[in-house]
C-alpha atoms as a PDB file:
ATOM      1  CA  MET A   1     161.426-280.821   9.256  1.00  0.00           C
ATOM      2  CA  ASN A   2     161.179-282.933   5.452  1.00  0.00           C
ATOM      3  CA  SER A   3     163.036-281.011   3.626  1.00  0.00           C
ATOM      4  CA  HIS A   4     161.733-280.649  -0.299  1.00  0.00           C
ATOM      5  CA  TYR A   5     162.527-282.884  -2.858  1.00  0.00           C
ATOM      6  CA  ASN A   6     160.830-282.429  -6.142  1.00  0.00           C
ATOM      7  CA  THR A   7     160.421-285.836  -7.229  1.00  0.00           C
ATOM      8  CA  LYS A   8     158.450-287.524  -9.541  1.00  0.00           C
ATOM      9  CA  GLN A   9     155.843-289.042  -7.352  1.00  0.00           C
ATOM     10  CA  ARG A  10     155.420-285.335  -6.016  1.00  0.00           C
ATOM     11  CA  LYS A  11     154.850-283.799  -9.219  1.00  0.00           C
ATOM     12  CA  ILE A  12     152.129-286.311  -9.886  1.00  0.00           C
ATOM     13  CA  LEU A  13     150.702-285.144  -6.250  1.00  0.00           C
ATOM     14  CA  ILE A  14     150.953-281.146  -7.678  1.00  0.00           C
ATOM     15  CA  ASP A  15     149.209-281.918 -10.987  1.00  0.00           C
ATOM     16  CA  CYS A  16     146.539-284.120  -8.236  1.00  0.00           C
ATOM     17  CA  PHE A  17     145.931-281.168  -6.156  1.00  0.00           C
ATOM     18  CA  GLU A  18     145.831-278.526  -9.138  1.00  0.00           C
ATOM     19  CA  ASN A  19     143.774-280.511 -11.699  1.00  0.00           C
ATOM     20  CA  MET A  20     141.054-281.739  -8.664  1.00  0.00           C
ATOM     21  CA  ASP A  21     137.637-280.296  -8.780  1.00  0.00           C
ATOM     22  CA  LYS A  22     137.300-279.400  -5.395  1.00  0.00           C
ATOM     23  CA  LYS A  23     138.906-277.009  -3.008  1.00  0.00           C
ATOM     24  CA  HIS A  24     139.146-279.554   0.196  1.00  0.00           C
ATOM     25  CA  PHE A  25     139.840-283.063  -0.242  1.00  0.00           C
ATOM     26  CA  ARG A  26     140.590-286.407   1.023  1.00  0.00           C
ATOM     27  CA  ALA A  27     143.300-288.937   1.192  1.00  0.00           C
ATOM     28  CA  SER A  28     140.860-290.819  -0.193  1.00  0.00           C
ATOM     29  CA  ASP A  29     140.078-288.436  -2.910  1.00  0.00           C
ATOM     30  CA  VAL A  30     143.864-288.254  -3.999  1.00  0.00           C
ATOM     31  CA  LEU A  31     143.610-292.243  -4.299  1.00  0.00           C
ATOM     32  CA  GLU A  32     140.869-292.365  -6.593  1.00  0.00           C
ATOM     33  CA  TYR A  33     142.265-289.463  -9.146  1.00  0.00           C
ATOM     34  CA  LEU A  34     144.929-291.470  -9.155  1.00  0.00           C
ATOM     35  CA  GLU A  35     144.080-294.665 -10.012  1.00  0.00           C
ATOM     36  CA  LYS A  36     141.660-292.481 -12.711  1.00  0.00           C
ATOM     37  CA  GLU A  37     144.643-291.532 -14.046  1.00  0.00           C
ATOM     38  CA  ASN A  38     146.852-293.994 -13.926  1.00  0.00           C
ATOM     39  CA  SER A  39     149.369-294.062 -11.416  1.00  0.00           C
ATOM     40  CA  ASN A  40     150.972-296.291  -9.825  1.00  0.00           C
ATOM     41  CA  ILE A  41     152.182-294.659  -6.014  1.00  0.00           C
ATOM     42  CA  GLY A  42     151.640-296.848  -3.879  1.00  0.00           C
ATOM     43  CA  LYS A  43     148.600-295.686  -0.766  1.00  0.00           C
ATOM     44  CA  SER A  44     151.775-295.086   2.093  1.00  0.00           C
ATOM     45  CA  THR A  45     153.583-292.512  -0.440  1.00  0.00           C
ATOM     46  CA  VAL A  46     149.982-290.938  -0.753  1.00  0.00           C
ATOM     47  CA  TYR A  47     149.704-290.585   2.368  1.00  0.00           C
ATOM     48  CA  ARG A  48     153.716-289.434   3.214  1.00  0.00           C
ATOM     49  CA  GLN A  49     153.606-287.227   1.264  1.00  0.00           C
ATOM     50  CA  LEU A  50     150.400-284.914   2.385  1.00  0.00           C
ATOM     51  CA  GLU A  51     151.488-284.968   5.520  1.00  0.00           C
ATOM     52  CA  ASN A  52     155.171-283.553   4.525  1.00  0.00           C
ATOM     53  CA  MET A  53     153.086-281.317   2.308  1.00  0.00           C
ATOM     54  CA  VAL A  54     151.257-280.136   5.454  1.00  0.00           C
ATOM     55  CA  SER A  55     154.445-279.686   7.013  1.00  0.00           C
ATOM     56  CA  GLU A  56     155.409-277.511   4.517  1.00  0.00           C
ATOM     57  CA  GLY A  57     153.029-275.623   4.376  1.00  0.00           C
ATOM     58  CA  ILE A  58     151.828-276.765   0.759  1.00  0.00           C
ATOM     59  CA  LEU A  59     148.430-277.901   1.893  1.00  0.00           C
ATOM     60  CA  ASN A  60     146.357-277.051   5.311  1.00  0.00           C
ATOM     61  CA  LYS A  61     144.877-280.392   6.887  1.00  0.00           C
ATOM     62  CA  TYR A  62     141.690-279.788   8.764  1.00  0.00           C
ATOM     63  CA  ILE A  63     140.511-282.314  11.252  1.00  0.00           C
ATOM     64  CA  ILE A  64     136.182-282.115  11.477  1.00  0.00           C
ATOM     65  CA  ASP A  65     136.017-284.289  14.440  1.00  0.00           C
ATOM     66  CA  ILE A  66     136.455-288.220  15.706  1.00  0.00           C
ATOM     67  CA  ASN A  67     134.060-289.819  12.694  1.00  0.00           C
ATOM     68  CA  THR A  68     135.471-287.399   9.527  1.00  0.00           C
ATOM     69  CA  PRO A  69     138.827-288.293   7.258  1.00  0.00           C
ATOM     70  CA  ALA A  70     141.157-285.460   7.842  1.00  0.00           C
ATOM     71  CA  CYS A  71     140.140-283.182   5.003  1.00  0.00           C
ATOM     72  CA  PHE A  72     143.405-281.184   3.111  1.00  0.00           C
ATOM     73  CA  GLU A  73     143.367-277.742   1.066  1.00  0.00           C
ATOM     74  CA  TYR A  74     145.974-276.966  -1.496  1.00  0.00           C
ATOM     75  CA  GLU A  75     147.427-273.447  -0.688  1.00  0.00           C
ATOM     76  CA  GLY A  76     149.195-273.712  -4.716  1.00  0.00           C
ATOM     77  CA  LYS A  77     150.801-270.495  -5.622  1.00  0.00           C
ATOM     78  CA  SER A  78     148.557-267.968  -3.624  1.00  0.00           C
ATOM     79  CA  ARG A  79     148.539-269.259  -0.250  1.00  0.00           C
ATOM     80  CA  HIS A  80     145.597-267.697   2.286  1.00  0.00           C
ATOM     81  CA  GLU A  81     146.632-264.358   4.158  1.00  0.00           C
ATOM     82  CA  ASP A  82     143.650-263.462   5.348  1.00  0.00           C
ATOM     83  CA  MET A  83     141.106-264.603   7.719  1.00  0.00           C
ATOM     84  CA  LEU A  84     139.861-267.596   6.866  1.00  0.00           C
ATOM     85  CA  PHE A  85     136.824-269.381   8.535  1.00  0.00           C
ATOM     86  CA  HIS A  86     135.103-272.685   7.668  1.00  0.00           C
ATOM     87  CA  LEU A  87     131.227-273.409   7.620  1.00  0.00           C
ATOM     88  CA  LYS A  88     130.389-277.667   8.121  1.00  0.00           C
ATOM     89  CA  CYS A  89     127.372-278.820   6.881  1.00  0.00           C
ATOM     90  CA  GLU A  90     125.954-281.795   9.377  1.00  0.00           C
ATOM     91  CA  LYS A  91     123.831-283.668   6.778  1.00  0.00           C
ATOM     92  CA  CYS A  92     126.056-283.450   3.870  1.00  0.00           C
ATOM     93  CA  GLY A  93     129.737-283.083   5.838  1.00  0.00           C
ATOM     94  CA  LYS A  94     130.446-279.908   2.674  1.00  0.00           C
ATOM     95  CA  LEU A  95     133.446-277.781   3.874  1.00  0.00           C
ATOM     96  CA  ILE A  96     133.120-274.250   3.093  1.00  0.00           C
ATOM     97  CA  HIS A  97     135.071-271.476   3.215  1.00  0.00           C
ATOM     98  CA  LEU A  98     134.153-268.059   5.054  1.00  0.00           C
ATOM     99  CA  HIS A  99     135.254-264.875   4.023  1.00  0.00           C
ATOM    100  CA  CYS A 100     133.155-262.657   5.453  1.00  0.00           C
ATOM    101  CA  HIS A 101     134.625-259.518   7.846  1.00  0.00           C
ATOM    102  CA  GLU A 102     131.648-259.801   9.391  1.00  0.00           C
ATOM    103  CA  ILE A 103     133.473-261.822  12.181  1.00  0.00           C
ATOM    104  CA  ASP A 104     135.944-259.852  13.259  1.00  0.00           C
ATOM    105  CA  ASP A 105     134.131-257.971  15.220  1.00  0.00           C
ATOM    106  CA  PHE A 106     133.880-261.365  16.845  1.00  0.00           C
ATOM    107  CA  GLN A 107     137.566-261.961  17.076  1.00  0.00           C
ATOM    108  CA  LYS A 108     138.151-259.059  18.604  1.00  0.00           C
ATOM    109  CA  HIS A 109     135.501-259.053  21.721  1.00  0.00           C
ATOM    110  CA  LEU A 110     136.442-262.518  22.366  1.00  0.00           C
ATOM    111  CA  TYR A 111     140.060-261.113  21.724  1.00  0.00           C
ATOM    112  CA  THR A 112     140.006-257.947  23.955  1.00  0.00           C
ATOM    113  CA  ASN A 113     136.898-259.643  26.457  1.00  0.00           C
ATOM    114  CA  HIS A 114     138.184-263.254  26.597  1.00  0.00           C
ATOM    115  CA  HIS A 115     141.907-263.017  26.370  1.00  0.00           C
ATOM    116  CA  PHE A 116     141.540-265.280  23.244  1.00  0.00           C
ATOM    117  CA  LYS A 117     142.611-265.130  19.890  1.00  0.00           C
ATOM    118  CA  LEU A 118     141.261-267.329  17.223  1.00  0.00           C
ATOM    119  CA  ASN A 119     143.445-269.773  14.644  1.00  0.00           C
ATOM    120  CA  PRO A 120     141.046-268.381  11.656  1.00  0.00           C
ATOM    121  CA  LYS A 121     142.304-271.770   9.306  1.00  0.00           C
ATOM    122  CA  ARG A 122     141.133-274.130  12.156  1.00  0.00           C
ATOM    123  CA  THR A 123     137.961-272.311  13.152  1.00  0.00           C
ATOM    124  CA  VAL A 124     134.996-274.249  12.251  1.00  0.00           C
ATOM    125  CA  PHE A 125     131.523-273.727  12.654  1.00  0.00           C
ATOM    126  CA  TYR A 126     128.923-276.511  12.444  1.00  0.00           C
ATOM    127  CA  GLY A 127     125.148-276.483  10.973  1.00  0.00           C
ATOM    128  CA  ILE A 128     123.385-277.016   7.948  1.00  0.00           C
ATOM    129  CA  CYS A 129     124.293-275.357   4.089  1.00  0.00           C
ATOM    130  CA  GLU A 130     121.675-273.109   2.206  1.00  0.00           C
ATOM    131  CA  GLU A 131     120.819-277.039   0.140  1.00  0.00           C
ATOM    132  CA  CYS A 132     120.211-279.463   2.869  1.00  0.00           C
ATOM    133  CA  GLU A 133     117.985-276.490   4.002  1.00  0.00           C
ATOM    134  CA  LYS A 134     116.099-275.904   1.014  1.00  0.00           C
ATOM    135  CA  LYS A 135     116.393-280.292   0.883  1.00  0.00           C
ATOM    136  CA  ASN A 136     114.516-280.381   4.259  1.00  0.00           C
ATOM    137  CA  LYS A 137     111.387-277.775   3.186  1.00  0.00           C
END
């Protein structure tokens, strides 16, 4: 595990995560944001720092499928301790947090009857979001 250094570049990246208007973002979103802010952090440094911050638990990384770039989520000062699943829209690609205690029964069923424990931070349900569904009607 990489040691934690409070470098200028790291601070710029943390500021970027805190100021972006997206809950989930890709490396390309970070690079675009940094370009608008006239930051001189290189592409390889951004990718390396993202992976370091995932290892340190500062960022969550979601790999949805092989055709979609990895998606990151900044944990910030408060880390998710509760059950957190995700919904992925197959039309627009939006990734949505799902905080729903109804799913607890499903998790219990999987564990009790199938001896399988879900990892909520790594579980993604696929479907169509409300906005895309409205567009189809």
